[in-house]
Amino acid sequence: MPHQRVSPRNLRFARSMRHVPTDAEEKLWRELRSRRLDRMKFRRQVSIGNYIADFVCLQAKLIVEIDGTQHGDSAYDRRRDAELNARGFQVLRFWNGDVLRDLDAVCDTIVACARDADR
């Protein structure tokens, strides 16, 4: 899809979200930043179309979302994921608790999905 201009409102919101991460987002960001995880370049709180993704690896076209219980069986998230998939992104979702309890397993899953995307 062609590059779509990001609304100034979304940019401001994404920037503000970078300053108030959840505990799980902060913990995962420590592993993803500065190419620490398998030398992959991740960005956080990235505006894509009308949505803001928690973490994005543009090279692998991989989005990582960290969700709380409000996202359980969400029709909004299904529509959002479908649009992001249509843009060529794979979306991985993890619960906050999974990141906080078993960060190694979360990171292993991210690396495996990114490597699959490279094939």
PDB file of N, CA and C in Angstrom:
ATOM      1  N   MET A   1       0.849  -1.182   0.000  1.00  0.00           N
ATOM      2  CA  MET A   1       0.000   0.000   0.000  1.00  0.00           C
ATOM      3  C   MET A   1       0.890   1.239   0.000  1.00  0.00           C
ATOM      4  N   PRO A   2       0.458   2.284  -0.622  1.00  0.00           N
ATOM      5  CA  PRO A   2       1.266   3.500  -0.650  1.00  0.00           C
ATOM      6  C   PRO A   2       1.362   4.119   0.738  1.00  0.00           C
ATOM      7  N   HIS A   3       2.403   4.928   0.909  1.00  0.00           N
ATOM      8  CA  HIS A   3       2.597   5.607   2.185  1.00  0.00           C
ATOM      9  C   HIS A   3       1.406   6.506   2.475  1.00  0.00           C
ATOM     10  N   GLN A   4       0.909   6.420   3.678  1.00  0.00           N
ATOM     11  CA  GLN A   4      -0.252   7.210   4.060  1.00  0.00           C
ATOM     12  C   GLN A   4       0.191   8.244   5.092  1.00  0.00           C
ATOM     13  N   ARG A   5      -0.202   9.471   4.914  1.00  0.00           N
ATOM     14  CA  ARG A   5       0.149  10.534   5.848  1.00  0.00           C
ATOM     15  C   ARG A   5      -0.498  10.242   7.195  1.00  0.00           C
ATOM     16  N   VAL A   6       0.279  10.423   8.239  1.00  0.00           N
ATOM     17  CA  VAL A   6      -0.196  10.180   9.593  1.00  0.00           C
ATOM     18  C   VAL A   6      -0.770  11.477  10.145  1.00  0.00           C
ATOM     19  N   SER A   7      -1.918  11.374  10.779  1.00  0.00           N
ATOM     20  CA  SER A   7      -2.547  12.577  11.305  1.00  0.00           C
ATOM     21  C   SER A   7      -1.719  13.144  12.460  1.00  0.00           C
ATOM     22  N   PRO A   8      -1.660  14.464  12.575  1.00  0.00           N
ATOM     23  CA  PRO A   8      -0.935  15.081  13.696  1.00  0.00           C
ATOM     24  C   PRO A   8      -1.464  14.600  15.049  1.00  0.00           C
ATOM     25  N   ARG A   9      -2.767  14.335  15.124  1.00  0.00           N
ATOM     26  CA  ARG A   9      -3.365  13.841  16.369  1.00  0.00           C
ATOM     27  C   ARG A   9      -2.759  12.487  16.753  1.00  0.00           C
ATOM     28  N   ASN A  10      -2.645  11.566  15.755  1.00  0.00           N
ATOM     29  CA  ASN A  10      -2.052  10.253  16.028  1.00  0.00           C
ATOM     30  C   ASN A  10      -0.592  10.376  16.431  1.00  0.00           C
ATOM     31  N   LEU A  11       0.141  11.271  15.777  1.00  0.00           N
ATOM     32  CA  LEU A  11       1.551  11.471  16.135  1.00  0.00           C
ATOM     33  C   LEU A  11       1.693  11.950  17.575  1.00  0.00           C
ATOM     34  N   ARG A  12       0.880  12.918  17.965  1.00  0.00           N
ATOM     35  CA  ARG A  12       0.936  13.423  19.348  1.00  0.00           C
ATOM     36  C   ARG A  12       0.576  12.320  20.337  1.00  0.00           C
ATOM     37  N   PHE A  13      -0.447  11.538  20.009  1.00  0.00           N
ATOM     38  CA  PHE A  13      -0.876  10.464  20.902  1.00  0.00           C
ATOM     39  C   PHE A  13       0.213   9.403  21.030  1.00  0.00           C
ATOM     40  N   ALA A  14       0.831   9.029  19.914  1.00  0.00           N
ATOM     41  CA  ALA A  14       1.915   8.029  19.942  1.00  0.00           C
ATOM     42  C   ALA A  14       3.077   8.534  20.791  1.00  0.00           C
ATOM     43  N   ARG A  15       3.440   9.787  20.615  1.00  0.00           N
ATOM     44  CA  ARG A  15       4.539  10.353  21.420  1.00  0.00           C
ATOM     45  C   ARG A  15       4.195  10.323  22.907  1.00  0.00           C
ATOM     46  N   SER A  16       2.968  10.689  23.239  1.00  0.00           N
ATOM     47  CA  SER A  16       2.585  10.702  24.653  1.00  0.00           C
ATOM     48  C   SER A  16       2.600   9.285  25.233  1.00  0.00           C
ATOM     49  N   MET A  17       2.220   8.295  24.421  1.00  0.00           N
ATOM     50  CA  MET A  17       2.208   6.914  24.900  1.00  0.00           C
ATOM     51  C   MET A  17       3.623   6.393  25.171  1.00  0.00           C
ATOM     52  N   ARG A  18       4.612   6.918  24.470  1.00  0.00           N
ATOM     53  CA  ARG A  18       6.002   6.510  24.716  1.00  0.00           C
ATOM     54  C   ARG A  18       6.462   6.920  26.110  1.00  0.00           C
ATOM     55  N   HIS A  19       5.834   7.945  26.653  1.00  0.00           N
ATOM     56  CA  HIS A  19       6.244   8.460  27.962  1.00  0.00           C
ATOM     57  C   HIS A  19       5.525   7.789  29.129  1.00  0.00           C
ATOM     58  N   VAL A  20       4.499   6.998  28.847  1.00  0.00           N
ATOM     59  CA  VAL A  20       3.746   6.330  29.917  1.00  0.00           C
ATOM     60  C   VAL A  20       3.513   4.857  29.588  1.00  0.00           C
ATOM     61  N   PRO A  21       4.584   4.082  29.388  1.00  0.00           N
ATOM     62  CA  PRO A  21       4.386   2.665  29.046  1.00  0.00           C
ATOM     63  C   PRO A  21       3.851   1.878  30.234  1.00  0.00           C
ATOM     64  N   THR A  22       3.181   0.785  29.929  1.00  0.00           N
ATOM     65  CA  THR A  22       2.779  -0.130  30.993  1.00  0.00           C
ATOM     66  C   THR A  22       4.041  -0.848  31.486  1.00  0.00           C
ATOM     67  N   ASP A  23       3.942  -1.526  32.615  1.00  0.00           N
ATOM     68  CA  ASP A  23       5.091  -2.279  33.130  1.00  0.00           C
ATOM     69  C   ASP A  23       5.556  -3.321  32.112  1.00  0.00           C
ATOM     70  N   ALA A  24       4.607  -3.987  31.473  1.00  0.00           N
ATOM     71  CA  ALA A  24       4.947  -5.016  30.493  1.00  0.00           C
ATOM     72  C   ALA A  24       5.617  -4.401  29.265  1.00  0.00           C
ATOM     73  N   GLU A  25       5.110  -3.273  28.781  1.00  0.00           N
ATOM     74  CA  GLU A  25       5.729  -2.606  27.640  1.00  0.00           C
ATOM     75  C   GLU A  25       7.150  -2.160  27.965  1.00  0.00           C
ATOM     76  N   GLU A  26       7.335  -1.628  29.149  1.00  0.00           N
ATOM     77  CA  GLU A  26       8.671  -1.180  29.570  1.00  0.00           C
ATOM     78  C   GLU A  26       9.644  -2.359  29.636  1.00  0.00           C
ATOM     79  N   LYS A  27       9.185  -3.456  30.187  1.00  0.00           N
ATOM     80  CA  LYS A  27      10.042  -4.641  30.309  1.00  0.00           C
ATOM     81  C   LYS A  27      10.427  -5.189  28.933  1.00  0.00           C
ATOM     82  N   LEU A  28       9.461  -5.286  28.029  1.00  0.00           N
ATOM     83  CA  LEU A  28       9.769  -5.788  26.697  1.00  0.00           C
ATOM     84  C   LEU A  28      10.643  -4.801  25.928  1.00  0.00           C
ATOM     85  N   TRP A  29      10.401  -3.512  26.070  1.00  0.00           N
ATOM     86  CA  TRP A  29      11.194  -2.513  25.360  1.00  0.00           C
ATOM     87  C   TRP A  29      12.680  -2.613  25.732  1.00  0.00           C
ATOM     88  N   ARG A  30      12.958  -2.938  26.987  1.00  0.00           N
ATOM     89  CA  ARG A  30      14.365  -3.114  27.395  1.00  0.00           C
ATOM     90  C   ARG A  30      15.038  -4.223  26.593  1.00  0.00           C
ATOM     91  N   GLU A  31      14.273  -5.215  26.139  1.00  0.00           N
ATOM     92  CA  GLU A  31      14.824  -6.311  25.334  1.00  0.00           C
ATOM     93  C   GLU A  31      14.871  -5.968  23.841  1.00  0.00           C
ATOM     94  N   LEU A  32      13.937  -5.138  23.374  1.00  0.00           N
ATOM     95  CA  LEU A  32      13.825  -4.852  21.950  1.00  0.00           C
ATOM     96  C   LEU A  32      14.687  -3.675  21.501  1.00  0.00           C
ATOM     97  N   ARG A  33      14.933  -2.720  22.376  1.00  0.00           N
ATOM     98  CA  ARG A  33      15.599  -1.481  21.960  1.00  0.00           C
ATOM     99  C   ARG A  33      17.052  -1.723  21.568  1.00  0.00           C
ATOM    100  N   SER A  34      17.555  -0.849  20.750  1.00  0.00           N
ATOM    101  CA  SER A  34      18.970  -0.849  20.339  1.00  0.00           C
ATOM    102  C   SER A  34      19.414  -2.173  19.729  1.00  0.00           C
ATOM    103  N   ARG A  35      18.502  -2.815  19.007  1.00  0.00           N
ATOM    104  CA  ARG A  35      18.814  -4.083  18.305  1.00  0.00           C
ATOM    105  C   ARG A  35      19.303  -5.183  19.261  1.00  0.00           C
ATOM    106  N   ARG A  36      18.828  -5.182  20.486  1.00  0.00           N
ATOM    107  CA  ARG A  36      19.263  -6.175  21.472  1.00  0.00           C
ATOM    108  C   ARG A  36      18.708  -7.567  21.191  1.00  0.00           C
ATOM    109  N   LEU A  37      17.554  -7.639  20.572  1.00  0.00           N
ATOM    110  CA  LEU A  37      16.933  -8.941  20.305  1.00  0.00           C
ATOM    111  C   LEU A  37      17.265  -9.363  18.881  1.00  0.00           C
ATOM    112  N   ASP A  38      18.180 -10.268  18.739  1.00  0.00           N
ATOM    113  CA  ASP A  38      18.541 -10.859  17.448  1.00  0.00           C
ATOM    114  C   ASP A  38      18.884  -9.799  16.390  1.00  0.00           C
ATOM    115  N   ARG A  39      19.420  -8.664  16.843  1.00  0.00           N
ATOM    116  CA  ARG A  39      19.857  -7.562  15.966  1.00  0.00           C
ATOM    117  C   ARG A  39      18.723  -6.951  15.142  1.00  0.00           C
ATOM    118  N   MET A  40      17.480  -7.159  15.587  1.00  0.00           N
ATOM    119  CA  MET A  40      16.325  -6.584  14.885  1.00  0.00           C
ATOM    120  C   MET A  40      16.084  -5.158  15.373  1.00  0.00           C
ATOM    121  N   LYS A  41      15.765  -4.279  14.440  1.00  0.00           N
ATOM    122  CA  LYS A  41      15.473  -2.885  14.755  1.00  0.00           C
ATOM    123  C   LYS A  41      13.982  -2.739  15.022  1.00  0.00           C
ATOM    124  N   PHE A  42      13.641  -2.425  16.276  1.00  0.00           N
ATOM    125  CA  PHE A  42      12.247  -2.176  16.644  1.00  0.00           C
ATOM    126  C   PHE A  42      12.060  -0.709  16.978  1.00  0.00           C
ATOM    127  N   ARG A  43      10.866  -0.221  16.675  1.00  0.00           N
ATOM    128  CA  ARG A  43      10.433   1.104  17.102  1.00  0.00           C
ATOM    129  C   ARG A  43       9.208   0.893  17.981  1.00  0.00           C
ATOM    130  N   ARG A  44       8.945   1.846  18.850  1.00  0.00           N
ATOM    131  CA  ARG A  44       7.761   1.692  19.711  1.00  0.00           C
ATOM    132  C   ARG A  44       6.760   2.804  19.462  1.00  0.00           C
ATOM    133  N   GLN A  45       5.497   2.459  19.711  1.00  0.00           N
ATOM    134  CA  GLN A  45       4.369   3.379  19.546  1.00  0.00           C
ATOM    135  C   GLN A  45       4.437   4.049  18.178  1.00  0.00           C
ATOM    136  N   VAL A  46       4.293   3.226  17.144  1.00  0.00           N
ATOM    137  CA  VAL A  46       4.412   3.680  15.764  1.00  0.00           C
ATOM    138  C   VAL A  46       3.019   3.794  15.147  1.00  0.00           C
ATOM    139  N   SER A  47       2.775   4.920  14.521  1.00  0.00           N
ATOM    140  CA  SER A  47       1.499   5.141  13.851  1.00  0.00           C
ATOM    141  C   SER A  47       1.536   4.481  12.476  1.00  0.00           C
ATOM    142  N   ILE A  48       0.579   3.580  12.234  1.00  0.00           N
ATOM    143  CA  ILE A  48       0.442   2.900  10.942  1.00  0.00           C
ATOM    144  C   ILE A  48      -1.016   3.050  10.533  1.00  0.00           C
ATOM    145  N   GLY A  49      -1.230   3.809   9.478  1.00  0.00           N
ATOM    146  CA  GLY A  49      -2.606   4.099   9.079  1.00  0.00           C
ATOM    147  C   GLY A  49      -3.312   4.829  10.209  1.00  0.00           C
ATOM    148  N   ASN A  50      -4.467   4.312  10.598  1.00  0.00           N
ATOM    149  CA  ASN A  50      -5.247   4.933  11.681  1.00  0.00           C
ATOM    150  C   ASN A  50      -4.929   4.339  13.052  1.00  0.00           C
ATOM    151  N   TYR A  51      -3.921   3.486  13.123  1.00  0.00           N
ATOM    152  CA  TYR A  51      -3.636   2.758  14.355  1.00  0.00           C
ATOM    153  C   TYR A  51      -2.237   3.060  14.869  1.00  0.00           C
ATOM    154  N   ILE A  52      -2.044   2.798  16.144  1.00  0.00           N
ATOM    155  CA  ILE A  52      -0.726   2.930  16.753  1.00  0.00           C
ATOM    156  C   ILE A  52      -0.324   1.557  17.265  1.00  0.00           C
ATOM    157  N   ALA A  53       0.801   1.063  16.754  1.00  0.00           N
ATOM    158  CA  ALA A  53       1.311  -0.250  17.147  1.00  0.00           C
ATOM    159  C   ALA A  53       2.281  -0.092  18.307  1.00  0.00           C
ATOM    160  N   ASP A  54       2.226  -1.016  19.266  1.00  0.00           N
ATOM    161  CA  ASP A  54       3.127  -0.941  20.414  1.00  0.00           C
ATOM    162  C   ASP A  54       4.582  -1.017  19.976  1.00  0.00           C
ATOM    163  N   PHE A  55       4.935  -2.049  19.202  1.00  0.00           N
ATOM    164  CA  PHE A  55       6.302  -2.245  18.732  1.00  0.00           C
ATOM    165  C   PHE A  55       6.259  -2.722  17.288  1.00  0.00           C
ATOM    166  N   VAL A  56       7.178  -2.210  16.461  1.00  0.00           N
ATOM    167  CA  VAL A  56       7.207  -2.578  15.051  1.00  0.00           C
ATOM    168  C   VAL A  56       8.642  -2.828  14.610  1.00  0.00           C
ATOM    169  N   CYS A  57       8.836  -3.938  13.912  1.00  0.00           N
ATOM    170  CA  CYS A  57      10.072  -4.196  13.186  1.00  0.00           C
ATOM    171  C   CYS A  57       9.704  -4.080  11.713  1.00  0.00           C
ATOM    172  N   LEU A  58      10.084  -2.963  11.094  1.00  0.00           N
ATOM    173  CA  LEU A  58       9.692  -2.710   9.713  1.00  0.00           C
ATOM    174  C   LEU A  58      10.337  -3.702   8.756  1.00  0.00           C
ATOM    175  N   GLN A  59      11.577  -4.079   9.018  1.00  0.00           N
ATOM    176  CA  GLN A  59      12.266  -5.013   8.126  1.00  0.00           C
ATOM    177  C   GLN A  59      11.527  -6.343   8.032  1.00  0.00           C
ATOM    178  N   ALA A  60      11.066  -6.855   9.172  1.00  0.00           N
ATOM    179  CA  ALA A  60      10.353  -8.132   9.197  1.00  0.00           C
ATOM    180  C   ALA A  60       8.848  -7.957   9.001  1.00  0.00           C
ATOM    181  N   LYS A  61       8.387  -6.685   8.907  1.00  0.00           N
ATOM    182  CA  LYS A  61       6.947  -6.396   8.803  1.00  0.00           C
ATOM    183  C   LYS A  61       6.198  -7.073   9.956  1.00  0.00           C
ATOM    184  N   LEU A  62       6.745  -6.904  11.161  1.00  0.00           N
ATOM    185  CA  LEU A  62       6.224  -7.558  12.356  1.00  0.00           C
ATOM    186  C   LEU A  62       5.795  -6.518  13.377  1.00  0.00           C
ATOM    187  N   ILE A  63       4.575  -6.659  13.867  1.00  0.00           N
ATOM    188  CA  ILE A  63       4.038  -5.801  14.926  1.00  0.00           C
ATOM    189  C   ILE A  63       3.857  -6.655  16.160  1.00  0.00           C
ATOM    190  N   VAL A  64       4.293  -6.132  17.307  1.00  0.00           N
ATOM    191  CA  VAL A  64       4.119  -6.814  18.581  1.00  0.00           C
ATOM    192  C   VAL A  64       3.224  -5.940  19.451  1.00  0.00           C
ATOM    193  N   GLU A  65       2.125  -6.521  19.886  1.00  0.00           N
ATOM    194  CA  GLU A  65       1.168  -5.829  20.752  1.00  0.00           C
ATOM    195  C   GLU A  65       1.183  -6.473  22.126  1.00  0.00           C
ATOM    196  N   ILE A  66       1.163  -5.648  23.155  1.00  0.00           N
ATOM    197  CA  ILE A  66       1.088  -6.116  24.536  1.00  0.00           C
ATOM    198  C   ILE A  66      -0.272  -5.680  25.062  1.00  0.00           C
ATOM    199  N   ASP A  67      -1.094  -6.655  25.423  1.00  0.00           N
ATOM    200  CA  ASP A  67      -2.493  -6.379  25.746  1.00  0.00           C
ATOM    201  C   ASP A  67      -2.838  -6.664  27.197  1.00  0.00           C
ATOM    202  N   GLY A  68      -3.736  -5.839  27.717  1.00  0.00           N
ATOM    203  CA  GLY A  68      -4.361  -6.092  29.006  1.00  0.00           C
ATOM    204  C   GLY A  68      -5.682  -6.800  28.791  1.00  0.00           C
ATOM    205  N   THR A  69      -6.387  -7.049  29.860  1.00  0.00           N
ATOM    206  CA  THR A  69      -7.629  -7.819  29.785  1.00  0.00           C
ATOM    207  C   THR A  69      -8.724  -7.130  28.973  1.00  0.00           C
ATOM    208  N   GLN A  70      -8.633  -5.812  28.786  1.00  0.00           N
ATOM    209  CA  GLN A  70      -9.650  -5.098  28.012  1.00  0.00           C
ATOM    210  C   GLN A  70      -9.650  -5.531  26.551  1.00  0.00           C
ATOM    211  N   HIS A  71      -8.592  -6.224  26.114  1.00  0.00           N
ATOM    212  CA  HIS A  71      -8.492  -6.652  24.724  1.00  0.00           C
ATOM    213  C   HIS A  71      -9.042  -8.057  24.492  1.00  0.00           C
ATOM    214  N   GLY A  72      -9.486  -8.730  25.530  1.00  0.00           N
ATOM    215  CA  GLY A  72     -10.000 -10.087  25.377  1.00  0.00           C
ATOM    216  C   GLY A  72     -11.169 -10.143  24.409  1.00  0.00           C
ATOM    217  N   ASP A  73     -11.044 -10.949  23.359  1.00  0.00           N
ATOM    218  CA  ASP A  73     -12.102 -11.155  22.368  1.00  0.00           C
ATOM    219  C   ASP A  73     -12.660  -9.827  21.843  1.00  0.00           C
ATOM    220  N   SER A  74     -11.772  -8.941  21.412  1.00  0.00           N
ATOM    221  CA  SER A  74     -12.156  -7.609  20.972  1.00  0.00           C
ATOM    222  C   SER A  74     -12.410  -7.566  19.465  1.00  0.00           C
ATOM    223  N   ALA A  75     -13.612  -7.172  19.086  1.00  0.00           N
ATOM    224  CA  ALA A  75     -13.948  -7.011  17.665  1.00  0.00           C
ATOM    225  C   ALA A  75     -13.097  -5.897  17.059  1.00  0.00           C
ATOM    226  N   TYR A  76     -12.832  -4.849  17.815  1.00  0.00           N
ATOM    227  CA  TYR A  76     -11.974  -3.752  17.349  1.00  0.00           C
ATOM    228  C   TYR A  76     -10.585  -4.287  16.991  1.00  0.00           C
ATOM    229  N   ASP A  77     -10.015  -5.114  17.868  1.00  0.00           N
ATOM    230  CA  ASP A  77      -8.679  -5.664  17.610  1.00  0.00           C
ATOM    231  C   ASP A  77      -8.679  -6.569  16.379  1.00  0.00           C
ATOM    232  N   ARG A  78      -9.754  -7.306  16.157  1.00  0.00           N
ATOM    233  CA  ARG A  78      -9.834  -8.155  14.961  1.00  0.00           C
ATOM    234  C   ARG A  78      -9.840  -7.307  13.686  1.00  0.00           C
ATOM    235  N   ARG A  79     -10.619  -6.214  13.693  1.00  0.00           N
ATOM    236  CA  ARG A  79     -10.649  -5.307  12.537  1.00  0.00           C
ATOM    237  C   ARG A  79      -9.281  -4.647  12.335  1.00  0.00           C
ATOM    238  N   ARG A  80      -8.691  -4.216  13.426  1.00  0.00           N
ATOM    239  CA  ARG A  80      -7.377  -3.566  13.394  1.00  0.00           C
ATOM    240  C   ARG A  80      -6.330  -4.522  12.823  1.00  0.00           C
ATOM    241  N   ASP A  81      -6.294  -5.744  13.340  1.00  0.00           N
ATOM    242  CA  ASP A  81      -5.332  -6.737  12.856  1.00  0.00           C
ATOM    243  C   ASP A  81      -5.548  -7.035  11.378  1.00  0.00           C
ATOM    244  N   ALA A  82      -6.810  -7.104  10.946  1.00  0.00           N
ATOM    245  CA  ALA A  82      -7.098  -7.376   9.534  1.00  0.00           C
ATOM    246  C   ALA A  82      -6.548  -6.254   8.648  1.00  0.00           C
ATOM    247  N   GLU A  83      -6.707  -5.010   9.071  1.00  0.00           N
ATOM    248  CA  GLU A  83      -6.169  -3.901   8.277  1.00  0.00           C
ATOM    249  C   GLU A  83      -4.644  -3.926   8.270  1.00  0.00           C
ATOM    250  N   LEU A  84      -4.042  -4.193   9.419  1.00  0.00           N
ATOM    251  CA  LEU A  84      -2.581  -4.250   9.472  1.00  0.00           C
ATOM    252  C   LEU A  84      -2.045  -5.423   8.654  1.00  0.00           C
ATOM    253  N   ASN A  85      -2.753  -6.561   8.681  1.00  0.00           N
ATOM    254  CA  ASN A  85      -2.380  -7.701   7.840  1.00  0.00           C
ATOM    255  C   ASN A  85      -2.472  -7.330   6.363  1.00  0.00           C
ATOM    256  N   ALA A  86      -3.525  -6.594   5.989  1.00  0.00           N
ATOM    257  CA  ALA A  86      -3.693  -6.170   4.599  1.00  0.00           C
ATOM    258  C   ALA A  86      -2.550  -5.253   4.162  1.00  0.00           C
ATOM    259  N   ARG A  87      -1.940  -4.575   5.114  1.00  0.00           N
ATOM    260  CA  ARG A  87      -0.779  -3.716   4.826  1.00  0.00           C
ATOM    261  C   ARG A  87       0.518  -4.522   4.796  1.00  0.00           C
ATOM    262  N   GLY A  88       0.399  -5.837   5.005  1.00  0.00           N
ATOM    263  CA  GLY A  88       1.572  -6.705   4.918  1.00  0.00           C
ATOM    264  C   GLY A  88       2.250  -7.020   6.239  1.00  0.00           C
ATOM    265  N   PHE A  89       1.660  -6.600   7.350  1.00  0.00           N
ATOM    266  CA  PHE A  89       2.247  -6.849   8.660  1.00  0.00           C
ATOM    267  C   PHE A  89       1.687  -8.115   9.298  1.00  0.00           C
ATOM    268  N   GLN A  90       2.528  -8.818  10.007  1.00  0.00           N
ATOM    269  CA  GLN A  90       2.084  -9.899  10.882  1.00  0.00           C
ATOM    270  C   GLN A  90       1.949  -9.292  12.278  1.00  0.00           C
ATOM    271  N   VAL A  91       0.869  -9.584  12.960  1.00  0.00           N
ATOM    272  CA  VAL A  91       0.631  -9.026  14.287  1.00  0.00           C
ATOM    273  C   VAL A  91       0.723 -10.139  15.327  1.00  0.00           C
ATOM    274  N   LEU A  92       1.619  -9.956  16.278  1.00  0.00           N
ATOM    275  CA  LEU A  92       1.739 -10.868  17.422  1.00  0.00           C
ATOM    276  C   LEU A  92       1.143 -10.180  18.634  1.00  0.00           C
ATOM    277  N   ARG A  93       0.332 -10.903  19.381  1.00  0.00           N
ATOM    278  CA  ARG A  93      -0.260 -10.345  20.601  1.00  0.00           C
ATOM    279  C   ARG A  93       0.145 -11.180  21.800  1.00  0.00           C
ATOM    280  N   PHE A  94       0.549 -10.491  22.847  1.00  0.00           N
ATOM    281  CA  PHE A  94       0.901 -11.136  24.113  1.00  0.00           C
ATOM    282  C   PHE A  94       0.142 -10.433  25.229  1.00  0.00           C
ATOM    283  N   TRP A  95      -0.234 -11.201  26.230  1.00  0.00           N
ATOM    284  CA  TRP A  95      -0.849 -10.613  27.419  1.00  0.00           C
ATOM    285  C   TRP A  95       0.230  -9.974  28.283  1.00  0.00           C
ATOM    286  N   ASN A  96      -0.144  -8.914  28.992  1.00  0.00           N
ATOM    287  CA  ASN A  96       0.776  -8.268  29.926  1.00  0.00           C
ATOM    288  C   ASN A  96       1.423  -9.298  30.846  1.00  0.00           C
ATOM    289  N   GLY A  97       0.617 -10.182  31.404  1.00  0.00           N
ATOM    290  CA  GLY A  97       1.114 -11.183  32.347  1.00  0.00           C
ATOM    291  C   GLY A  97       2.148 -12.111  31.736  1.00  0.00           C
ATOM    292  N   ASP A  98       1.976 -12.455  30.464  1.00  0.00           N
ATOM    293  CA  ASP A  98       2.959 -13.313  29.790  1.00  0.00           C
ATOM    294  C   ASP A  98       4.316 -12.628  29.727  1.00  0.00           C
ATOM    295  N   VAL A  99       4.311 -11.344  29.397  1.00  0.00           N
ATOM    296  CA  VAL A  99       5.573 -10.594  29.321  1.00  0.00           C
ATOM    297  C   VAL A  99       6.211 -10.500  30.703  1.00  0.00           C
ATOM    298  N   LEU A 100       5.414 -10.230  31.706  1.00  0.00           N
ATOM    299  CA  LEU A 100       5.948 -10.051  33.049  1.00  0.00           C
ATOM    300  C   LEU A 100       6.435 -11.362  33.659  1.00  0.00           C
ATOM    301  N   ARG A 101       5.778 -12.492  33.329  1.00  0.00           N
ATOM    302  CA  ARG A 101       6.140 -13.786  33.922  1.00  0.00           C
ATOM    303  C   ARG A 101       7.180 -14.560  33.125  1.00  0.00           C
ATOM    304  N   ASP A 102       7.121 -14.477  31.787  1.00  0.00           N
ATOM    305  CA  ASP A 102       7.991 -15.323  30.969  1.00  0.00           C
ATOM    306  C   ASP A 102       8.507 -14.564  29.752  1.00  0.00           C
ATOM    307  N   LEU A 103       9.320 -13.560  30.010  1.00  0.00           N
ATOM    308  CA  LEU A 103       9.850 -12.713  28.955  1.00  0.00           C
ATOM    309  C   LEU A 103      10.672 -13.513  27.940  1.00  0.00           C
ATOM    310  N   ASP A 104      11.400 -14.513  28.401  1.00  0.00           N
ATOM    311  CA  ASP A 104      12.215 -15.318  27.473  1.00  0.00           C
ATOM    312  C   ASP A 104      11.349 -16.004  26.415  1.00  0.00           C
ATOM    313  N   ALA A 105      10.228 -16.568  26.827  1.00  0.00           N
ATOM    314  CA  ALA A 105       9.341 -17.235  25.874  1.00  0.00           C
ATOM    315  C   ALA A 105       8.754 -16.233  24.887  1.00  0.00           C
ATOM    316  N   VAL A 106       8.398 -15.051  25.364  1.00  0.00           N
ATOM    317  CA  VAL A 106       7.873 -14.002  24.487  1.00  0.00           C
ATOM    318  C   VAL A 106       8.930 -13.623  23.450  1.00  0.00           C
ATOM    319  N   CYS A 107      10.156 -13.403  23.901  1.00  0.00           N
ATOM    320  CA  CYS A 107      11.240 -13.026  22.988  1.00  0.00           C
ATOM    321  C   CYS A 107      11.540 -14.140  21.989  1.00  0.00           C
ATOM    322  N   ASP A 108      11.521 -15.382  22.454  1.00  0.00           N
ATOM    323  CA  ASP A 108      11.745 -16.516  21.548  1.00  0.00           C
ATOM    324  C   ASP A 108      10.688 -16.555  20.449  1.00  0.00           C
ATOM    325  N   THR A 109       9.438 -16.285  20.799  1.00  0.00           N
ATOM    326  CA  THR A 109       8.348 -16.275  19.828  1.00  0.00           C
ATOM    327  C   THR A 109       8.534 -15.143  18.818  1.00  0.00           C
ATOM    328  N   ILE A 110       8.931 -13.979  19.290  1.00  0.00           N
ATOM    329  CA  ILE A 110       9.159 -12.837  18.404  1.00  0.00           C
ATOM    330  C   ILE A 110      10.265 -13.162  17.401  1.00  0.00           C
ATOM    331  N   VAL A 111      11.374 -13.715  17.891  1.00  0.00           N
ATOM    332  CA  VAL A 111      12.494 -14.059  17.007  1.00  0.00           C
ATOM    333  C   VAL A 111      12.064 -15.100  15.979  1.00  0.00           C
ATOM    334  N   ALA A 112      11.338 -16.123  16.413  1.00  0.00           N
ATOM    335  CA  ALA A 112      10.892 -17.174  15.490  1.00  0.00           C
ATOM    336  C   ALA A 112       9.988 -16.598  14.405  1.00  0.00           C
ATOM    337  N   CYS A 113       9.076 -15.727  14.763  1.00  0.00           N
ATOM    338  CA  CYS A 113       8.165 -15.125  13.770  1.00  0.00           C
ATOM    339  C   CYS A 113       8.925 -14.207  12.816  1.00  0.00           C
ATOM    340  N   ALA A 114       9.880 -13.461  13.325  1.00  0.00           N
ATOM    341  CA  ALA A 114      10.671 -12.563  12.466  1.00  0.00           C
ATOM    342  C   ALA A 114      11.502 -13.391  11.487  1.00  0.00           C
ATOM    343  N   ARG A 115      12.061 -14.486  11.945  1.00  0.00           N
ATOM    344  CA  ARG A 115      12.861 -15.334  11.048  1.00  0.00           C
ATOM    345  C   ARG A 115      11.981 -15.968   9.976  1.00  0.00           C
ATOM    346  N   ASP A 116      10.759 -16.364  10.352  1.00  0.00           N
ATOM    347  CA  ASP A 116       9.815 -16.910   9.355  1.00  0.00           C
ATOM    348  C   ASP A 116       9.476 -15.858   8.297  1.00  0.00           C
ATOM    349  N   ALA A 117       9.373 -14.600   8.735  1.00  0.00           N
ATOM    350  CA  ALA A 117       9.046 -13.513   7.799  1.00  0.00           C
ATOM    351  C   ALA A 117      10.175 -13.279   6.797  1.00  0.00           C
ATOM    352  N   ASP A 118      11.413 -13.578   7.191  1.00  0.00           N
ATOM    353  CA  ASP A 118      12.560 -13.390   6.305  1.00  0.00           C
ATOM    354  C   ASP A 118      12.627 -14.449   5.203  1.00  0.00           C
ATOM    355  N   ARG A 119      11.906 -15.537   5.364  1.00  0.00           N
ATOM    356  CA  ARG A 119      11.952 -16.624   4.371  1.00  0.00           C
ATOM    357  C   ARG A 119      11.075 -16.355   3.196  1.00  0.00           C
TER     358      ARG A 119
END
